[in-house]
PDB file of N, CA and C in Angstrom:
ATOM      1  N   UNK A   1       0.950  -1.310   0.376  1.00  0.00           N
ATOM      2  CA  UNK A   1      -0.187   0.137   0.241  1.00  0.00           C
ATOM      3  C   UNK A   1       0.764   1.053   0.293  1.00  0.00           C
ATOM      4  N   UNK A   2       1.020   1.318  -1.221  1.00  0.00           N
ATOM      5  CA  UNK A   2       1.932   3.290  -1.581  1.00  0.00           C
ATOM      6  C   UNK A   2       0.794   4.288  -1.236  1.00  0.00           C
ATOM      7  N   UNK A   3       1.063   5.446  -0.645  1.00  0.00           N
ATOM      8  CA  UNK A   3       0.366   6.418   0.013  1.00  0.00           C
ATOM      9  C   UNK A   3       1.381   7.697  -0.210  1.00  0.00           C
ATOM     10  N   UNK A   4       1.267   8.665  -0.927  1.00  0.00           N
ATOM     11  CA  UNK A   4       1.087  10.163  -1.395  1.00  0.00           C
ATOM     12  C   UNK A   4       2.045  11.066   0.026  1.00  0.00           C
ATOM     13  N   UNK A   5       1.373  10.390   0.619  1.00  0.00           N
ATOM     14  CA  UNK A   5       0.461  11.175   1.669  1.00  0.00           C
ATOM     15  C   UNK A   5       1.417  10.904   3.650  1.00  0.00           C
ATOM     16  N   UNK A   6       1.802   8.529   3.318  1.00  0.00           N
ATOM     17  CA  UNK A   6       2.780   9.190   3.980  1.00  0.00           C
ATOM     18  C   UNK A   6       4.331   9.093   3.649  1.00  0.00           C
ATOM     19  N   UNK A   7       4.823   9.071   5.246  1.00  0.00           N
ATOM     20  CA  UNK A   7       6.017   9.013   5.569  1.00  0.00           C
ATOM     21  C   UNK A   7       6.655   8.086   6.480  1.00  0.00           C
ATOM     22  N   UNK A   8       8.131   7.919   6.484  1.00  0.00           N
ATOM     23  CA  UNK A   8       9.100   7.438   7.849  1.00  0.00           C
ATOM     24  C   UNK A   8       9.302   7.693   8.827  1.00  0.00           C
ATOM     25  N   UNK A   9       8.778   7.807  10.383  1.00  0.00           N
ATOM     26  CA  UNK A   9       8.248   8.879  11.201  1.00  0.00           C
ATOM     27  C   UNK A   9       9.304   8.295  12.263  1.00  0.00           C
ATOM     28  N   UNK A  10      10.130   6.908  11.972  1.00  0.00           N
ATOM     29  CA  UNK A  10      10.775   5.781  12.918  1.00  0.00           C
ATOM     30  C   UNK A  10      10.407   4.529  12.496  1.00  0.00           C
ATOM     31  N   UNK A  11      12.370   4.594  12.298  1.00  0.00           N
ATOM     32  CA  UNK A  11      13.343   3.153  11.844  1.00  0.00           C
ATOM     33  C   UNK A  11      13.709   1.995  13.077  1.00  0.00           C
ATOM     34  N   UNK A  12      14.043   0.699  13.185  1.00  0.00           N
ATOM     35  CA  UNK A  12      14.496   0.678  13.800  1.00  0.00           C
ATOM     36  C   UNK A  12      15.872   0.692  13.883  1.00  0.00           C
ATOM     37  N   UNK A  13      17.078   0.732  13.151  1.00  0.00           N
ATOM     38  CA  UNK A  13      17.502   1.098  12.317  1.00  0.00           C
ATOM     39  C   UNK A  13      19.371   2.613  13.070  1.00  0.00           C
ATOM     40  N   UNK A  14      17.230   3.451  12.724  1.00  0.00           N
ATOM     41  CA  UNK A  14      18.418   5.160  13.599  1.00  0.00           C
ATOM     42  C   UNK A  14      17.456   5.582  13.970  1.00  0.00           C
ATOM     43  N   UNK A  15      15.892   5.349  14.480  1.00  0.00           N
ATOM     44  CA  UNK A  15      15.499   5.974  15.519  1.00  0.00           C
ATOM     45  C   UNK A  15      14.061   7.072  14.730  1.00  0.00           C
ATOM     46  N   UNK A  16      13.758   7.753  15.826  1.00  0.00           N
ATOM     47  CA  UNK A  16      12.929   8.574  15.442  1.00  0.00           C
ATOM     48  C   UNK A  16      14.132  10.070  14.139  1.00  0.00           C
ATOM     49  N   UNK A  17      13.032   8.983  12.677  1.00  0.00           N
ATOM     50  CA  UNK A  17      13.172  10.811  12.232  1.00  0.00           C
ATOM     51  C   UNK A  17      12.483  11.617  11.953  1.00  0.00           C
ATOM     52  N   UNK A  18      14.128  12.608  12.089  1.00  0.00           N
ATOM     53  CA  UNK A  18      13.172  14.351  12.098  1.00  0.00           C
ATOM     54  C   UNK A  18      13.993  15.033  10.522  1.00  0.00           C
ATOM     55  N   UNK A  19      12.522  15.743  10.748  1.00  0.00           N
ATOM     56  CA  UNK A  19      12.681  15.647   9.473  1.00  0.00           C
ATOM     57  C   UNK A  19      13.217  17.566   9.524  1.00  0.00           C
ATOM     58  N   UNK A  20      14.507  18.431   8.441  1.00  0.00           N
ATOM     59  CA  UNK A  20      15.369  19.316   8.910  1.00  0.00           C
ATOM     60  C   UNK A  20      13.953  20.471   8.410  1.00  0.00           C
ATOM     61  N   UNK A  21      13.974  21.013   9.951  1.00  0.00           N
ATOM     62  CA  UNK A  21      12.752  22.247   8.931  1.00  0.00           C
ATOM     63  C   UNK A  21      13.345  23.431   8.534  1.00  0.00           C
ATOM     64  N   UNK A  22      13.379  23.468   7.541  1.00  0.00           N
ATOM     65  CA  UNK A  22      13.123  25.407   7.090  1.00  0.00           C
ATOM     66  C   UNK A  22      13.579  26.087   8.075  1.00  0.00           C
ATOM     67  N   UNK A  23      14.293  27.636   7.235  1.00  0.00           N
ATOM     68  CA  UNK A  23      14.586  28.987   8.008  1.00  0.00           C
ATOM     69  C   UNK A  23      12.357  29.611   7.614  1.00  0.00           C
ATOM     70  N   UNK A  24      12.168  30.679   7.863  1.00  0.00           N
ATOM     71  CA  UNK A  24      10.430  31.217   7.791  1.00  0.00           C
ATOM     72  C   UNK A  24      11.100  32.254   6.625  1.00  0.00           C
ATOM     73  N   UNK A  25      10.574  32.861   5.756  1.00  0.00           N
ATOM     74  CA  UNK A  25      10.927  33.541   4.462  1.00  0.00           C
ATOM     75  C   UNK A  25       9.903  34.547   5.097  1.00  0.00           C
ATOM     76  N   UNK A  26      10.442  36.093   5.542  1.00  0.00           N
ATOM     77  CA  UNK A  26      10.594  36.952   5.495  1.00  0.00           C
ATOM     78  C   UNK A  26       9.730  37.643   3.958  1.00  0.00           C
ATOM     79  N   UNK A  27       8.737  38.608   3.872  1.00  0.00           N
ATOM     80  CA  UNK A  27       8.368  38.959   2.776  1.00  0.00           C
ATOM     81  C   UNK A  27       8.774  40.257   2.052  1.00  0.00           C
ATOM     82  N   UNK A  28       9.467  40.296   0.310  1.00  0.00           N
ATOM     83  CA  UNK A  28      10.047  41.552   1.089  1.00  0.00           C
ATOM     84  C   UNK A  28       9.401  42.335   1.546  1.00  0.00           C
ATOM     85  N   UNK A  29      10.164  44.389   1.399  1.00  0.00           N
ATOM     86  CA  UNK A  29       9.603  44.818   1.902  1.00  0.00           C
ATOM     87  C   UNK A  29       9.469  46.142   0.393  1.00  0.00           C
ATOM     88  N   UNK A  30       8.085  46.958   1.035  1.00  0.00           N
ATOM     89  CA  UNK A  30       9.048  47.759  -0.388  1.00  0.00           C
ATOM     90  C   UNK A  30       9.010  49.196  -0.319  1.00  0.00           C
ATOM     91  N   UNK A  31      10.753  48.986   0.442  1.00  0.00           N
ATOM     92  CA  UNK A  31      12.143  50.167   0.429  1.00  0.00           C
ATOM     93  C   UNK A  31      11.683  50.632   1.172  1.00  0.00           C
ATOM     94  N   UNK A  32      10.317  51.314   2.498  1.00  0.00           N
ATOM     95  CA  UNK A  32       9.484  52.091   3.353  1.00  0.00           C
ATOM     96  C   UNK A  32       9.955  51.536   4.940  1.00  0.00           C
ATOM     97  N   UNK A  33      10.029  51.932   5.839  1.00  0.00           N
ATOM     98  CA  UNK A  33      10.588  52.114   7.195  1.00  0.00           C
ATOM     99  C   UNK A  33       9.227  52.053   7.305  1.00  0.00           C
ATOM    100  N   UNK A  34       8.140  51.198   7.965  1.00  0.00           N
ATOM    101  CA  UNK A  34       7.286  52.311   8.199  1.00  0.00           C
ATOM    102  C   UNK A  34       7.410  52.330  10.640  1.00  0.00           C
ATOM    103  N   UNK A  35       6.501  53.266  11.000  1.00  0.00           N
ATOM    104  CA  UNK A  35       6.099  52.977  12.595  1.00  0.00           C
ATOM    105  C   UNK A  35       5.473  53.252  12.889  1.00  0.00           C
ATOM    106  N   UNK A  36       5.050  52.279  13.890  1.00  0.00           N
ATOM    107  CA  UNK A  36       3.156  52.683  14.498  1.00  0.00           C
ATOM    108  C   UNK A  36       3.529  52.150  15.661  1.00  0.00           C
ATOM    109  N   UNK A  37       3.282  52.904  16.106  1.00  0.00           N
ATOM    110  CA  UNK A  37       2.321  53.357  17.663  1.00  0.00           C
ATOM    111  C   UNK A  37       1.372  51.684  18.242  1.00  0.00           C
ATOM    112  N   UNK A  38       1.448  50.969  19.393  1.00  0.00           N
ATOM    113  CA  UNK A  38       0.009  49.804  19.522  1.00  0.00           C
ATOM    114  C   UNK A  38       0.708  49.739  21.042  1.00  0.00           C
ATOM    115  N   UNK A  39      -0.968  49.416  21.395  1.00  0.00           N
ATOM    116  CA  UNK A  39      -0.660  49.223  22.398  1.00  0.00           C
ATOM    117  C   UNK A  39      -1.765  48.051  23.078  1.00  0.00           C
ATOM    118  N   UNK A  40      -2.413  47.757  21.609  1.00  0.00           N
ATOM    119  CA  UNK A  40      -3.503  46.772  22.055  1.00  0.00           C
ATOM    120  C   UNK A  40      -2.495  45.546  22.605  1.00  0.00           C
ATOM    121  N   UNK A  41      -3.231  44.655  23.757  1.00  0.00           N
ATOM    122  CA  UNK A  41      -2.212  43.316  24.620  1.00  0.00           C
ATOM    123  C   UNK A  41      -1.367  43.598  24.973  1.00  0.00           C
ATOM    124  N   UNK A  42      -0.908  44.651  25.220  1.00  0.00           N
ATOM    125  CA  UNK A  42       0.105  45.563  26.013  1.00  0.00           C
ATOM    126  C   UNK A  42      -0.384  46.010  27.561  1.00  0.00           C
ATOM    127  N   UNK A  43      -1.713  45.368  28.125  1.00  0.00           N
ATOM    128  CA  UNK A  43      -2.120  46.566  29.390  1.00  0.00           C
ATOM    129  C   UNK A  43      -1.619  47.695  28.792  1.00  0.00           C
ATOM    130  N   UNK A  44      -2.102  48.510  28.228  1.00  0.00           N
ATOM    131  CA  UNK A  44      -2.346  49.991  28.193  1.00  0.00           C
ATOM    132  C   UNK A  44      -0.691  50.608  28.006  1.00  0.00           C
ATOM    133  N   UNK A  45       0.170  49.271  28.077  1.00  0.00           N
ATOM    134  CA  UNK A  45       1.363  50.207  27.253  1.00  0.00           C
ATOM    135  C   UNK A  45       2.099  50.534  26.265  1.00  0.00           C
ATOM    136  N   UNK A  46       2.385  51.579  25.586  1.00  0.00           N
ATOM    137  CA  UNK A  46       2.704  50.972  24.278  1.00  0.00           C
ATOM    138  C   UNK A  46       4.601  51.089  24.119  1.00  0.00           C
ATOM    139  N   UNK A  47       3.718  51.307  22.306  1.00  0.00           N
ATOM    140  CA  UNK A  47       5.639  50.295  22.128  1.00  0.00           C
ATOM    141  C   UNK A  47       5.123  51.277  20.227  1.00  0.00           C
ATOM    142  N   UNK A  48       6.310  51.658  20.114  1.00  0.00           N
ATOM    143  CA  UNK A  48       6.666  51.585  18.856  1.00  0.00           C
ATOM    144  C   UNK A  48       7.206  50.311  17.800  1.00  0.00           C
ATOM    145  N   UNK A  49       6.282  50.288  16.733  1.00  0.00           N
ATOM    146  CA  UNK A  49       6.415  48.933  16.109  1.00  0.00           C
ATOM    147  C   UNK A  49       7.623  49.134  15.207  1.00  0.00           C
ATOM    148  N   UNK A  50       8.423  49.296  14.661  1.00  0.00           N
ATOM    149  CA  UNK A  50       9.188  49.271  13.406  1.00  0.00           C
ATOM    150  C   UNK A  50       9.227  48.833  12.922  1.00  0.00           C
ATOM    151  N   UNK A  51       8.762  48.039  10.908  1.00  0.00           N
ATOM    152  CA  UNK A  51       8.395  46.924  10.059  1.00  0.00           C
ATOM    153  C   UNK A  51       9.456  47.592   8.720  1.00  0.00           C
ATOM    154  N   UNK A  52       9.359  46.807   7.719  1.00  0.00           N
ATOM    155  CA  UNK A  52      10.028  46.937   6.888  1.00  0.00           C
ATOM    156  C   UNK A  52      10.773  47.340   6.085  1.00  0.00           C
ATOM    157  N   UNK A  53      12.378  46.999   7.941  1.00  0.00           N
ATOM    158  CA  UNK A  53      13.751  47.066   7.578  1.00  0.00           C
ATOM    159  C   UNK A  53      14.183  45.645   6.707  1.00  0.00           C
ATOM    160  N   UNK A  54      14.621  45.899   5.551  1.00  0.00           N
ATOM    161  CA  UNK A  54      15.236  44.674   4.929  1.00  0.00           C
ATOM    162  C   UNK A  54      16.847  44.951   5.024  1.00  0.00           C
ATOM    163  N   UNK A  55      16.684  43.182   6.316  1.00  0.00           N
ATOM    164  CA  UNK A  55      18.257  42.917   6.543  1.00  0.00           C
ATOM    165  C   UNK A  55      17.310  41.811   6.591  1.00  0.00           C
ATOM    166  N   UNK A  56      18.416  41.402   7.417  1.00  0.00           N
ATOM    167  CA  UNK A  56      19.045  39.841   8.340  1.00  0.00           C
ATOM    168  C   UNK A  56      18.690  40.445  10.199  1.00  0.00           C
ATOM    169  N   UNK A  57      18.314  38.656   9.865  1.00  0.00           N
ATOM    170  CA  UNK A  57      17.897  39.141  12.197  1.00  0.00           C
ATOM    171  C   UNK A  57      18.950  38.997  12.666  1.00  0.00           C
ATOM    172  N   UNK A  58      21.160  39.036  12.597  1.00  0.00           N
ATOM    173  CA  UNK A  58      22.334  40.149  13.587  1.00  0.00           C
ATOM    174  C   UNK A  58      21.961  41.907  12.530  1.00  0.00           C
ATOM    175  N   UNK A  59      21.467  42.350  12.044  1.00  0.00           N
ATOM    176  CA  UNK A  59      21.703  43.147  11.753  1.00  0.00           C
ATOM    177  C   UNK A  59      20.163  44.074  11.803  1.00  0.00           C
ATOM    178  N   UNK A  60      19.291  43.328  12.016  1.00  0.00           N
ATOM    179  CA  UNK A  60      17.761  43.907  12.919  1.00  0.00           C
ATOM    180  C   UNK A  60      18.327  43.713  14.494  1.00  0.00           C
ATOM    181  N   UNK A  61      19.323  42.520  14.957  1.00  0.00           N
ATOM    182  CA  UNK A  61      19.929  43.653  16.779  1.00  0.00           C
ATOM    183  C   UNK A  61      20.698  44.249  16.964  1.00  0.00           C
ATOM    184  N   UNK A  62      21.692  44.446  15.957  1.00  0.00           N
ATOM    185  CA  UNK A  62      22.285  45.944  15.742  1.00  0.00           C
ATOM    186  C   UNK A  62      21.711  47.253  15.664  1.00  0.00           C
ATOM    187  N   UNK A  63      20.358  46.298  14.223  1.00  0.00           N
ATOM    188  CA  UNK A  63      20.096  48.137  14.556  1.00  0.00           C
ATOM    189  C   UNK A  63      18.994  48.956  15.992  1.00  0.00           C
ATOM    190  N   UNK A  64      17.864  47.100  16.235  1.00  0.00           N
ATOM    191  CA  UNK A  64      17.802  47.350  18.182  1.00  0.00           C
ATOM    192  C   UNK A  64      18.635  48.192  19.275  1.00  0.00           C
ATOM    193  N   UNK A  65      19.479  47.536  19.028  1.00  0.00           N
ATOM    194  CA  UNK A  65      20.476  47.512  19.830  1.00  0.00           C
ATOM    195  C   UNK A  65      20.919  49.070  19.757  1.00  0.00           C
ATOM    196  N   UNK A  66      20.973  49.615  18.602  1.00  0.00           N
ATOM    197  CA  UNK A  66      21.761  51.067  19.225  1.00  0.00           C
ATOM    198  C   UNK A  66      20.483  51.777  19.281  1.00  0.00           C
ATOM    199  N   UNK A  67      19.238  52.018  18.449  1.00  0.00           N
ATOM    200  CA  UNK A  67      18.132  52.824  18.520  1.00  0.00           C
ATOM    201  C   UNK A  67      17.875  51.664  20.583  1.00  0.00           C
ATOM    202  N   UNK A  68      17.587  50.766  20.605  1.00  0.00           N
ATOM    203  CA  UNK A  68      17.649  51.183  22.508  1.00  0.00           C
ATOM    204  C   UNK A  68      18.198  51.840  23.158  1.00  0.00           C
ATOM    205  N   UNK A  69      19.741  51.741  22.394  1.00  0.00           N
ATOM    206  CA  UNK A  69      20.667  52.809  23.514  1.00  0.00           C
ATOM    207  C   UNK A  69      20.534  54.400  22.895  1.00  0.00           C
ATOM    208  N   UNK A  70      20.092  55.088  21.661  1.00  0.00           N
ATOM    209  CA  UNK A  70      19.889  56.260  22.175  1.00  0.00           C
ATOM    210  C   UNK A  70      18.691  57.177  22.512  1.00  0.00           C
ATOM    211  N   UNK A  71      17.426  55.781  22.236  1.00  0.00           N
ATOM    212  CA  UNK A  71      16.902  56.361  22.729  1.00  0.00           C
ATOM    213  C   UNK A  71      16.483  55.546  24.602  1.00  0.00           C
ATOM    214  N   UNK A  72      16.852  55.880  24.836  1.00  0.00           N
ATOM    215  CA  UNK A  72      16.999  55.183  26.291  1.00  0.00           C
ATOM    216  C   UNK A  72      16.213  54.329  27.161  1.00  0.00           C
ATOM    217  N   UNK A  73      15.754  52.852  26.173  1.00  0.00           N
ATOM    218  CA  UNK A  73      15.056  52.108  26.567  1.00  0.00           C
ATOM    219  C   UNK A  73      14.444  51.096  26.372  1.00  0.00           C
ATOM    220  N   UNK A  74      13.916  50.443  26.539  1.00  0.00           N
ATOM    221  CA  UNK A  74      14.435  47.892  26.632  1.00  0.00           C
ATOM    222  C   UNK A  74      13.655  48.176  25.424  1.00  0.00           C
ATOM    223  N   UNK A  75      13.429  47.192  24.624  1.00  0.00           N
ATOM    224  CA  UNK A  75      12.535  46.518  23.400  1.00  0.00           C
ATOM    225  C   UNK A  75      12.916  45.520  22.591  1.00  0.00           C
ATOM    226  N   UNK A  76      12.682  45.174  21.817  1.00  0.00           N
ATOM    227  CA  UNK A  76      12.787  43.345  21.013  1.00  0.00           C
ATOM    228  C   UNK A  76      13.016  43.437  20.446  1.00  0.00           C
ATOM    229  N   UNK A  77      13.479  42.678  18.894  1.00  0.00           N
ATOM    230  CA  UNK A  77      13.093  41.980  17.406  1.00  0.00           C
ATOM    231  C   UNK A  77      12.381  41.162  17.524  1.00  0.00           C
ATOM    232  N   UNK A  78      11.129  40.780  17.000  1.00  0.00           N
ATOM    233  CA  UNK A  78       9.980  39.788  17.614  1.00  0.00           C
ATOM    234  C   UNK A  78      10.618  39.366  15.776  1.00  0.00           C
ATOM    235  N   UNK A  79      10.317  38.582  15.285  1.00  0.00           N
ATOM    236  CA  UNK A  79       9.371  38.161  13.599  1.00  0.00           C
ATOM    237  C   UNK A  79      10.606  39.456  13.107  1.00  0.00           C
ATOM    238  N   UNK A  80      10.875  39.811  13.240  1.00  0.00           N
ATOM    239  CA  UNK A  80      11.027  41.107  11.757  1.00  0.00           C
ATOM    240  C   UNK A  80      10.914  41.947  12.384  1.00  0.00           C
ATOM    241  N   UNK A  81      10.350  42.113  13.136  1.00  0.00           N
ATOM    242  CA  UNK A  81      10.193  43.649  13.788  1.00  0.00           C
ATOM    243  C   UNK A  81      10.435  43.556  14.600  1.00  0.00           C
ATOM    244  N   UNK A  82      11.030  45.362  14.750  1.00  0.00           N
ATOM    245  CA  UNK A  82      11.673  45.874  16.250  1.00  0.00           C
ATOM    246  C   UNK A  82      10.735  46.323  16.696  1.00  0.00           C
ATOM    247  N   UNK A  83      10.672  46.151  17.491  1.00  0.00           N
ATOM    248  CA  UNK A  83       9.587  46.749  19.348  1.00  0.00           C
ATOM    249  C   UNK A  83      10.213  47.629  20.709  1.00  0.00           C
ATOM    250  N   UNK A  84      10.026  48.751  20.003  1.00  0.00           N
ATOM    251  CA  UNK A  84      10.676  49.694  21.449  1.00  0.00           C
ATOM    252  C   UNK A  84       9.945  50.214  21.309  1.00  0.00           C
ATOM    253  N   UNK A  85      10.126  50.023  23.705  1.00  0.00           N
ATOM    254  CA  UNK A  85       8.916  50.910  24.466  1.00  0.00           C
ATOM    255  C   UNK A  85       8.706  52.354  24.836  1.00  0.00           C
ATOM    256  N   UNK A  86       7.551  52.742  24.822  1.00  0.00           N
ATOM    257  CA  UNK A  86       7.262  54.141  25.317  1.00  0.00           C
ATOM    258  C   UNK A  86       7.058  54.437  23.507  1.00  0.00           C
ATOM    259  N   UNK A  87       6.735  55.513  23.356  1.00  0.00           N
ATOM    260  CA  UNK A  87       6.254  56.251  22.487  1.00  0.00           C
ATOM    261  C   UNK A  87       7.958  57.362  22.369  1.00  0.00           C
ATOM    262  N   UNK A  88       8.342  56.725  21.030  1.00  0.00           N
ATOM    263  CA  UNK A  88       9.763  57.937  20.830  1.00  0.00           C
ATOM    264  C   UNK A  88       9.421  57.399  18.481  1.00  0.00           C
ATOM    265  N   UNK A  89       8.259  57.671  18.315  1.00  0.00           N
ATOM    266  CA  UNK A  89       7.876  57.878  17.014  1.00  0.00           C
ATOM    267  C   UNK A  89       9.189  59.109  15.986  1.00  0.00           C
ATOM    268  N   UNK A  90       9.743  60.635  16.522  1.00  0.00           N
ATOM    269  CA  UNK A  90      10.128  61.609  15.926  1.00  0.00           C
ATOM    270  C   UNK A  90      11.515  61.296  16.057  1.00  0.00           C
ATOM    271  N   UNK A  91      11.701  60.325  17.148  1.00  0.00           N
ATOM    272  CA  UNK A  91      13.789  60.796  17.918  1.00  0.00           C
ATOM    273  C   UNK A  91      13.835  59.252  17.382  1.00  0.00           C
ATOM    274  N   UNK A  92      12.595  58.148  16.712  1.00  0.00           N
ATOM    275  CA  UNK A  92      13.210  56.895  16.059  1.00  0.00           C
ATOM    276  C   UNK A  92      12.874  57.294  14.662  1.00  0.00           C
ATOM    277  N   UNK A  93      12.143  58.335  13.578  1.00  0.00           N
ATOM    278  CA  UNK A  93      12.161  58.840  12.375  1.00  0.00           C
ATOM    279  C   UNK A  93      13.550  58.693  11.722  1.00  0.00           C
ATOM    280  N   UNK A  94      14.263  59.834  13.219  1.00  0.00           N
ATOM    281  CA  UNK A  94      15.069  60.900  12.463  1.00  0.00           C
ATOM    282  C   UNK A  94      16.747  60.215  13.029  1.00  0.00           C
ATOM    283  N   UNK A  95      16.598  58.802  13.570  1.00  0.00           N
ATOM    284  CA  UNK A  95      17.489  57.656  13.474  1.00  0.00           C
ATOM    285  C   UNK A  95      18.278  57.592  11.976  1.00  0.00           C
ATOM    286  N   UNK A  96      16.937  55.968  12.035  1.00  0.00           N
ATOM    287  CA  UNK A  96      16.216  55.728  10.547  1.00  0.00           C
ATOM    288  C   UNK A  96      16.920  56.815  10.045  1.00  0.00           C
ATOM    289  N   UNK A  97      16.804  57.341   9.591  1.00  0.00           N
ATOM    290  CA  UNK A  97      17.472  59.144   8.556  1.00  0.00           C
ATOM    291  C   UNK A  97      18.329  59.522   8.129  1.00  0.00           C
ATOM    292  N   UNK A  98      18.915  59.490   9.132  1.00  0.00           N
ATOM    293  CA  UNK A  98      20.274  59.677   9.386  1.00  0.00           C
ATOM    294  C   UNK A  98      20.943  58.481   8.855  1.00  0.00           C
ATOM    295  N   UNK A  99      20.273  57.201   9.097  1.00  0.00           N
ATOM    296  CA  UNK A  99      20.506  56.013   8.499  1.00  0.00           C
ATOM    297  C   UNK A  99      20.831  55.905   6.884  1.00  0.00           C
ATOM    298  N   UNK A 100      19.718  56.774   6.083  1.00  0.00           N
ATOM    299  CA  UNK A 100      19.862  56.323   5.626  1.00  0.00           C
ATOM    300  C   UNK A 100      18.508  55.794   4.849  1.00  0.00           C
ATOM    301  N   UNK A 101      17.802  55.853   5.230  1.00  0.00           N
ATOM    302  CA  UNK A 101      16.792  54.785   5.312  1.00  0.00           C
ATOM    303  C   UNK A 101      14.975  55.975   4.044  1.00  0.00           C
ATOM    304  N   UNK A 102      14.412  55.074   4.524  1.00  0.00           N
ATOM    305  CA  UNK A 102      12.986  56.253   3.983  1.00  0.00           C
ATOM    306  C   UNK A 102      12.282  55.888   4.795  1.00  0.00           C
ATOM    307  N   UNK A 103      11.329  55.985   6.333  1.00  0.00           N
ATOM    308  CA  UNK A 103      10.904  56.378   7.190  1.00  0.00           C
ATOM    309  C   UNK A 103       9.059  56.583   6.974  1.00  0.00           C
ATOM    310  N   UNK A 104       7.983  56.520   6.635  1.00  0.00           N
ATOM    311  CA  UNK A 104       6.459  56.766   7.299  1.00  0.00           C
ATOM    312  C   UNK A 104       6.189  56.413   8.721  1.00  0.00           C
ATOM    313  N   UNK A 105       5.470  57.426   9.024  1.00  0.00           N
ATOM    314  CA  UNK A 105       4.698  57.628  10.150  1.00  0.00           C
ATOM    315  C   UNK A 105       3.718  56.607   9.961  1.00  0.00           C
ATOM    316  N   UNK A 106       2.922  55.384  10.245  1.00  0.00           N
ATOM    317  CA  UNK A 106       2.240  54.986  10.168  1.00  0.00           C
ATOM    318  C   UNK A 106       1.462  55.151  11.410  1.00  0.00           C
ATOM    319  N   UNK A 107       0.374  54.429  10.997  1.00  0.00           N
ATOM    320  CA  UNK A 107      -1.307  54.229  11.955  1.00  0.00           C
ATOM    321  C   UNK A 107      -1.436  55.599  12.274  1.00  0.00           C
ATOM    322  N   UNK A 108      -2.398  55.197  13.569  1.00  0.00           N
ATOM    323  CA  UNK A 108      -2.915  57.267  14.309  1.00  0.00           C
ATOM    324  C   UNK A 108      -2.759  58.475  14.656  1.00  0.00           C
TER     325      UNK A 108
END
């Protein structure tokens, strides 16, 4: 019985067989970095979300570290989105424009 949907899961010779997981592919942006403020799901605490930076994870981490240091606040990088704590949109915009990026303030 051969089925196209079946695959070998366990073998007595090698044990459990795991398929290698592929890295998630982030969609290419349009070249515009967007900064938005978000409070939903954060118990009223505001964060600035920075999306659209076309860089790998290591470069995003260095950009986030520089922004956190210049803003004097915390933050993180999650799924290609840089989160900076607090409402620092204007400062972040000037810092990213100084790096040569095209920046827009998104949201209300």
